[in-house]
C-alpha atoms as a PDB file:
ATOM      1  CA  MET A   1       8.516  79.933 233.393  1.00  0.00           C
ATOM      2  CA  ASN A   2       9.942  77.427 235.870  1.00  0.00           C
ATOM      3  CA  ASP A   3      12.354  74.678 234.959  1.00  0.00           C
ATOM      4  CA  GLN A   4      10.431  71.409 234.668  1.00  0.00           C
ATOM      5  CA  TYR A   5      13.322  69.233 235.822  1.00  0.00           C
ATOM      6  CA  LEU A   6      13.857  71.203 239.008  1.00  0.00           C
ATOM      7  CA  GLY A   7      10.077  71.018 239.441  1.00  0.00           C
ATOM      8  CA  TYR A   8      10.286  67.210 239.240  1.00  0.00           C
ATOM      9  CA  ILE A   9      13.084  67.149 241.815  1.00  0.00           C
ATOM     10  CA  LEU A  10      11.085  69.462 244.084  1.00  0.00           C
ATOM     11  CA  LEU A  11       8.051  67.181 243.874  1.00  0.00           C
ATOM     12  CA  LEU A  12      10.203  64.115 244.545  1.00  0.00           C
ATOM     13  CA  GLU A  13      11.842  65.660 247.624  1.00  0.00           C
ATOM     14  CA  LYS A  14       8.509  66.852 249.046  1.00  0.00           C
ATOM     15  CA  THR A  15       7.026  63.404 248.435  1.00  0.00           C
ATOM     16  CA  LEU A  16       9.996  61.741 250.141  1.00  0.00           C
ATOM     17  CA  ALA A  17       9.715  64.073 253.134  1.00  0.00           C
ATOM     18  CA  ALA A  18       6.020  63.203 253.468  1.00  0.00           C
ATOM     19  CA  PHE A  19       6.851  59.503 253.110  1.00  0.00           C
ATOM     20  CA  TYR A  20       9.428  59.654 255.902  1.00  0.00           C
ATOM     21  CA  ARG A  21       7.051  61.685 258.078  1.00  0.00           C
ATOM     22  CA  GLU A  22       4.306  59.056 257.662  1.00  0.00           C
ATOM     23  CA  THR A  23       6.739  56.169 258.068  1.00  0.00           C
ATOM     24  CA  GLN A  24       7.815  57.533 261.467  1.00  0.00           C
ATOM     25  CA  LYS A  25       4.270  56.855 262.711  1.00  0.00           C
ATOM     26  CA  LYS A  26       4.605  53.095 262.203  1.00  0.00           C
ATOM     27  CA  GLU A  27       4.999  51.478 265.597  1.00  0.00           C
ATOM     28  CA  ARG A  28       7.263  48.700 264.386  1.00  0.00           C
ATOM     29  CA  LEU A  29       9.793  51.278 263.145  1.00  0.00           C
ATOM     30  CA  SER A  30       9.949  53.241 266.400  1.00  0.00           C
ATOM     31  CA  SER A  31      13.516  52.066 267.013  1.00  0.00           C
ATOM     32  CA  ILE A  32      14.683  53.982 263.930  1.00  0.00           C
ATOM     33  CA  SER A  33      12.387  56.989 264.279  1.00  0.00           C
ATOM     34  CA  SER A  34      15.339  59.356 264.702  1.00  0.00           C
ATOM     35  CA  MET A  35      16.823  58.037 261.463  1.00  0.00           C
ATOM     36  CA  LEU A  36      13.500  58.545 259.666  1.00  0.00           C
ATOM     37  CA  GLU A  37      13.233  62.032 261.129  1.00  0.00           C
ATOM     38  CA  PHE A  38      16.744  62.783 259.873  1.00  0.00           C
ATOM     39  CA  MET A  39      15.775  61.613 256.376  1.00  0.00           C
ATOM     40  CA  GLU A  40      12.584  63.696 256.485  1.00  0.00           C
ATOM     41  CA  THR A  41      14.556  66.775 257.511  1.00  0.00           C
ATOM     42  CA  HIS A  42      17.078  66.270 254.722  1.00  0.00           C
ATOM     43  CA  SER A  43      14.364  65.785 252.109  1.00  0.00           C
ATOM     44  CA  GLU A  44      12.670  68.980 253.308  1.00  0.00           C
ATOM     45  CA  ALA A  45      16.008  70.806 253.169  1.00  0.00           C
ATOM     46  CA  HIS A  46      16.565  69.595 249.613  1.00  0.00           C
ATOM     47  CA  ALA A  47      13.064  70.742 248.652  1.00  0.00           C
ATOM     48  CA  GLU A  48      13.721  74.200 250.115  1.00  0.00           C
ATOM     49  CA  ARG A  49      17.031  74.488 248.256  1.00  0.00           C
ATOM     50  CA  VAL A  50      15.436  73.412 244.991  1.00  0.00           C
ATOM     51  CA  GLU A  51      12.637  75.968 245.491  1.00  0.00           C
ATOM     52  CA  GLY A  52      15.325  78.618 245.898  1.00  0.00           C
ATOM     53  CA  HIS A  53      17.048  77.485 242.718  1.00  0.00           C
ATOM     54  CA  ILE A  54      13.749  77.611 240.843  1.00  0.00           C
ATOM     55  CA  ARG A  55      13.295  81.227 241.939  1.00  0.00           C
ATOM     56  CA  GLU A  56      16.912  82.125 241.088  1.00  0.00           C
ATOM     57  CA  LEU A  57      17.028  80.388 237.705  1.00  0.00           C
ATOM     58  CA  PRO A  58      14.071  81.379 235.564  1.00  0.00           C
ATOM     59  CA  MET A  59      13.796  79.178 232.512  1.00  0.00           C
ATOM     60  CA  PRO A  60      14.647  81.004 229.277  1.00  0.00           C
ATOM     61  CA  THR A  61      12.010  80.345 226.639  1.00  0.00           C
ATOM     62  CA  LEU A  62      11.921  80.078 222.896  1.00  0.00           C
ATOM     63  CA  ASP A  63       8.435  80.190 221.445  1.00  0.00           C
ATOM     64  CA  ALA A  64       8.081  78.160 218.243  1.00  0.00           C
ATOM     65  CA  ARG A  65       5.204  80.455 217.235  1.00  0.00           C
ATOM     66  CA  ASP A  66       7.740  83.248 216.775  1.00  0.00           C
ATOM     67  CA  ILE A  67       9.456  81.181 214.088  1.00  0.00           C
ATOM     68  CA  ALA A  68       6.187  80.414 212.294  1.00  0.00           C
ATOM     69  CA  ASN A  69       5.063  84.051 212.507  1.00  0.00           C
ATOM     70  CA  TYR A  70       8.401  85.265 211.158  1.00  0.00           C
ATOM     71  CA  GLN A  71       8.214  82.855 208.228  1.00  0.00           C
ATOM     72  CA  ASN A  72       4.632  83.900 207.415  1.00  0.00           C
ATOM     73  CA  ASP A  73       5.483  87.612 207.547  1.00  0.00           C
ATOM     74  CA  LEU A  74       8.539  87.059 205.374  1.00  0.00           C
ATOM     75  CA  THR A  75       6.750  85.200 202.594  1.00  0.00           C
ATOM     76  CA  LYS A  76       3.758  87.552 202.654  1.00  0.00           C
ATOM     77  CA  ARG A  77       6.004  90.581 202.222  1.00  0.00           C
ATOM     78  CA  VAL A  78       7.876  89.138 199.233  1.00  0.00           C
ATOM     79  CA  SER A  79       4.646  87.803 197.684  1.00  0.00           C
ATOM     80  CA  ALA A  80       3.004  91.210 198.070  1.00  0.00           C
ATOM     81  CA  SER A  81       5.908  92.834 196.252  1.00  0.00           C
ATOM     82  CA  ILE A  82       5.687  90.326 193.406  1.00  0.00           C
ATOM     83  CA  ASP A  83       1.894  90.583 193.207  1.00  0.00           C
ATOM     84  CA  SER A  84       1.955  94.400 193.233  1.00  0.00           C
ATOM     85  CA  GLY A  85       3.976  94.429 190.038  1.00  0.00           C
ATOM     86  CA  ASP A  86       7.257  95.681 191.508  1.00  0.00           C
ATOM     87  CA  ASP A  87      10.130  95.460 189.080  1.00  0.00           C
ATOM     88  CA  ILE A  88      12.548  92.558 189.360  1.00  0.00           C
ATOM     89  CA  ARG A  89      15.322  94.799 190.763  1.00  0.00           C
ATOM     90  CA  THR A  90      13.020  95.792 193.664  1.00  0.00           C
ATOM     91  CA  ILE A  91      11.962  92.179 194.221  1.00  0.00           C
ATOM     92  CA  ILE A  92      15.605  90.994 194.316  1.00  0.00           C
ATOM     93  CA  THR A  93      16.492  93.812 196.726  1.00  0.00           C
ATOM     94  CA  LEU A  94      13.575  92.816 198.963  1.00  0.00           C
ATOM     95  CA  MET A  95      14.608  89.157 198.785  1.00  0.00           C
ATOM     96  CA  SER A  96      18.151  90.135 199.740  1.00  0.00           C
ATOM     97  CA  GLU A  97      16.892  92.187 202.697  1.00  0.00           C
ATOM     98  CA  THR A  98      14.656  89.284 203.658  1.00  0.00           C
ATOM     99  CA  GLU A  99      17.614  86.902 203.690  1.00  0.00           C
ATOM    100  CA  GLU A 100      19.537  89.326 205.901  1.00  0.00           C
ATOM    101  CA  GLY A 101      16.553  89.561 208.228  1.00  0.00           C
ATOM    102  CA  LEU A 102      16.313  85.788 208.301  1.00  0.00           C
ATOM    103  CA  GLY A 103      20.004  85.543 209.155  1.00  0.00           C
ATOM    104  CA  ASN A 104      19.512  88.009 212.024  1.00  0.00           C
ATOM    105  CA  PHE A 105      16.498  86.027 213.218  1.00  0.00           C
ATOM    106  CA  TYR A 106      18.493  82.779 213.162  1.00  0.00           C
ATOM    107  CA  LYS A 107      21.267  84.464 215.157  1.00  0.00           C
ATOM    108  CA  LYS A 108      18.688  85.466 217.790  1.00  0.00           C
ATOM    109  CA  VAL A 109      17.374  81.900 217.916  1.00  0.00           C
ATOM    110  CA  ALA A 110      20.926  80.568 218.277  1.00  0.00           C
ATOM    111  CA  ALA A 111      21.655  83.025 221.093  1.00  0.00           C
ATOM    112  CA  LYS A 112      18.472  81.964 222.895  1.00  0.00           C
ATOM    113  CA  LEU A 113      19.432  78.307 222.525  1.00  0.00           C
ATOM    114  CA  LYS A 114      22.847  79.087 224.022  1.00  0.00           C
ATOM    115  CA  GLU A 115      21.075  80.800 226.934  1.00  0.00           C
ATOM    116  CA  ILE A 116      18.888  77.714 227.398  1.00  0.00           C
ATOM    117  CA  SER A 117      22.010  75.535 227.251  1.00  0.00           C
ATOM    118  CA  VAL A 118      23.684  77.568 230.012  1.00  0.00           C
ATOM    119  CA  HIS A 119      20.498  77.250 232.069  1.00  0.00           C
ATOM    120  CA  TYR A 120      20.463  73.464 231.710  1.00  0.00           C
ATOM    121  CA  GLY A 121      24.160  73.319 232.582  1.00  0.00           C
ATOM    122  CA  LYS A 122      23.326  75.030 235.890  1.00  0.00           C
ATOM    123  CA  VAL A 123      20.354  72.719 236.449  1.00  0.00           C
ATOM    124  CA  ALA A 124      22.547  69.677 235.786  1.00  0.00           C
ATOM    125  CA  GLU A 125      25.081  70.951 238.315  1.00  0.00           C
ATOM    126  CA  ILE A 126      22.381  71.441 240.970  1.00  0.00           C
ATOM    127  CA  ILE A 127      20.943  67.979 240.396  1.00  0.00           C
ATOM    128  CA  GLY A 128      24.444  66.447 240.418  1.00  0.00           C
ATOM    129  CA  VAL A 129      25.181  68.026 243.819  1.00  0.00           C
ATOM    130  CA  LEU A 130      21.901  66.665 245.167  1.00  0.00           C
ATOM    131  CA  GLY A 131      22.840  63.250 243.819  1.00  0.00           C
ATOM    132  CA  ASN A 132      26.153  63.357 245.679  1.00  0.00           C
ATOM    133  CA  GLU A 133      24.324  64.312 248.871  1.00  0.00           C
ATOM    134  CA  GLU A 134      22.022  61.314 248.412  1.00  0.00           C
ATOM    135  CA  TYR A 135      25.125  59.108 248.262  1.00  0.00           C
ATOM    136  CA  ASP A 136      26.215  60.673 251.562  1.00  0.00           C
ATOM    137  CA  HIS A 137      22.803  59.801 253.029  1.00  0.00           C
ATOM    138  CA  ARG A 138      23.180  56.241 251.737  1.00  0.00           C
ATOM    139  CA  ASP A 139      26.560  55.943 253.435  1.00  0.00           C
ATOM    140  CA  LEU A 140      25.203  57.357 256.677  1.00  0.00           C
ATOM    141  CA  LEU A 141      22.318  54.878 256.655  1.00  0.00           C
ATOM    142  CA  ALA A 142      24.717  52.014 255.924  1.00  0.00           C
ATOM    143  CA  ARG A 143      26.871  53.034 258.907  1.00  0.00           C
ATOM    144  CA  ASP A 144      23.774  53.243 261.113  1.00  0.00           C
ATOM    145  CA  ARG A 145      22.673  49.811 259.942  1.00  0.00           C
ATOM    146  CA  LYS A 146      26.065  48.384 260.813  1.00  0.00           C
ATOM    147  CA  ARG A 147      25.989  50.105 264.208  1.00  0.00           C
ATOM    148  CA  LEU A 148      22.484  48.843 264.981  1.00  0.00           C
ATOM    149  CA  PHE A 149      22.945  45.374 263.500  1.00  0.00           C
ATOM    150  CA  PRO A 150      26.599  44.355 263.605  1.00  0.00           C
ATOM    151  CA  ASP A 151      27.391  41.309 261.503  1.00  0.00           C
END
């Protein structure tokens, strides 16, 4: 499964690249066509990098159905023991084993959540780097504006 947030960033960068590509065709903006081409190229480069990150960082998953299935199996097993006429000692032993199994299951869920947390930490870092690069693009455009239109 792919990370949805990186997918959003990918879509945004591809859309921006297409926007800059189409904007270059406007006659009245011909004087800044090289600037628009630069922005298109950088948006395409960001999209390519994000695609690479998506391939490198598969999204860990936790299926809520696993939790529901585990709970159903657990209660059915204990209920079957009670309904079959097992003695109370056997039922308590089964309940104890069930609690241990539940504890193990919760530990697995917690470990998966930690894995998901690490994944999102990496995604946040990637998006933060892209954000810093956008600030660099802003500064470059501001310098070009000043160069083209001195105050």
